């Protein structure tokens, strides 16, 4: 699954949510996925929280096949910035 496909998959959840923070999924060479201002985009910008992980693991998070806490413990997901923002993402990522 590409970042564009992941963005399409979660766009409706983000628009319908009360999530008011900003978060960036940094997938290295594959690019970034940013959620800010109730929009999902692929252009890099400063955010409240950055999550570094592979595109493959982001796809697993969105599909429910990877638990975020397990991903952090296993080193598959690194959080920088405000970790409280990361905790608010659970409902947004279910595609």
Protein backbone atom coordinates (compact mmCIF):
# COMPACT_ATOMS: atom_id res chain seq x y z
CA UNK A 1 0.00 0.00 0.00
CA UNK A 2 1.41 3.42 -0.93
CA UNK A 3 1.24 6.56 1.19
CA UNK A 4 -1.36 7.99 -1.20
CA UNK A 5 -3.54 4.89 -0.74
CA UNK A 6 -3.17 5.10 3.05
CA UNK A 7 -4.10 8.82 2.93
CA UNK A 8 -7.21 8.01 0.90
CA UNK A 9 -8.15 5.27 3.34
CA UNK A 10 -8.08 7.52 6.44
CA UNK A 11 -9.23 10.82 4.90
CA UNK A 12 -12.92 10.31 5.84
CA UNK A 13 -12.09 9.38 9.43
CA UNK A 14 -9.97 12.51 9.82
CA UNK A 15 -12.61 14.83 8.33
CA UNK A 16 -15.30 13.42 10.64
CA UNK A 17 -13.15 13.48 13.78
CA UNK A 18 -12.60 16.03 16.53
CA UNK A 19 -8.81 15.64 16.17
CA UNK A 20 -7.38 19.17 16.23
CA UNK A 21 -3.67 18.51 16.55
CA UNK A 22 -1.17 17.81 13.80
CA UNK A 23 0.88 14.69 13.23
CA UNK A 24 3.41 13.55 10.65
CA UNK A 25 4.12 9.95 9.69
CA UNK A 26 7.71 10.01 8.46
CA UNK A 27 8.28 7.00 6.24
CA UNK A 28 11.85 7.87 5.27
CA UNK A 29 12.55 7.67 1.56
CA UNK A 30 8.90 6.90 0.79
CA UNK A 31 7.88 10.36 2.03
CA UNK A 32 5.55 11.69 4.71
CA UNK A 33 1.85 11.61 5.47
CA UNK A 34 0.62 14.63 7.44
CA UNK A 35 -2.66 15.05 9.29
CA UNK A 36 -3.35 18.72 10.08
CA UNK A 37 -6.39 21.00 10.02
CA UNK A 38 -8.71 18.03 9.35
CA UNK A 39 -6.79 17.35 6.13
CA UNK A 40 -4.56 14.45 5.10
CA UNK A 41 -1.66 15.33 2.83
CA UNK A 42 1.67 14.15 1.54
CA UNK A 43 3.57 17.43 1.82
CA UNK A 44 6.04 17.87 4.67
CA UNK A 45 5.31 20.54 7.27
CA UNK A 46 6.00 21.15 10.97
CA UNK A 47 3.65 19.18 13.25
CA UNK A 48 2.96 18.67 16.97
CA UNK A 49 4.16 15.06 16.81
CA UNK A 50 6.21 12.97 14.39
CA UNK A 51 5.97 9.21 14.10
CA UNK A 52 8.83 7.51 12.26
CA UNK A 53 8.05 4.12 10.75
CA UNK A 54 8.11 2.26 7.48
CA UNK A 55 5.28 2.56 4.96
CA UNK A 56 4.70 -1.17 5.42
CA UNK A 57 4.22 -0.72 9.18
CA UNK A 58 1.97 2.32 8.66
CA UNK A 59 -0.22 0.19 6.39
CA UNK A 60 -0.34 -2.45 9.14
CA UNK A 61 -1.36 0.19 11.71
CA UNK A 62 -4.16 1.44 9.47
CA UNK A 63 -5.44 -2.08 8.78
CA UNK A 64 -5.35 -2.98 12.48
CA UNK A 65 -2.63 -5.60 12.05
CA UNK A 66 -0.07 -3.76 14.20
CA UNK A 67 -0.70 -2.51 17.72
CA UNK A 68 0.88 0.95 18.20
CA UNK A 69 2.23 0.18 21.67
CA UNK A 70 3.75 -3.08 20.46
CA UNK A 71 5.30 -1.21 17.53
CA UNK A 72 6.96 1.27 19.91
CA UNK A 73 8.27 -1.47 22.19
CA UNK A 74 9.63 -3.45 19.22
CA UNK A 75 11.31 -0.34 17.78
CA UNK A 76 9.12 -0.33 14.65
CA UNK A 77 7.66 3.08 15.60
CA UNK A 78 9.50 6.05 17.07
CA UNK A 79 7.63 9.03 18.51
CA UNK A 80 9.06 12.54 18.75
CA UNK A 81 7.35 15.74 19.81
CA UNK A 82 4.16 15.56 21.89
CA UNK A 83 3.39 11.91 22.70
CA UNK A 84 -0.10 12.92 23.86
CA UNK A 85 -0.97 13.66 20.23
CA UNK A 86 0.05 10.14 19.24
CA UNK A 87 -2.30 8.71 21.85
CA UNK A 88 -5.26 10.48 20.19
CA UNK A 89 -4.76 8.75 16.84
CA UNK A 90 -6.38 5.39 17.52
CA UNK A 91 -9.78 6.18 15.99
CA UNK A 92 -8.35 8.02 13.00
CA UNK A 93 -6.23 5.22 11.63
CA UNK A 94 -8.85 2.53 11.30
CA UNK A 95 -9.48 2.43 7.58
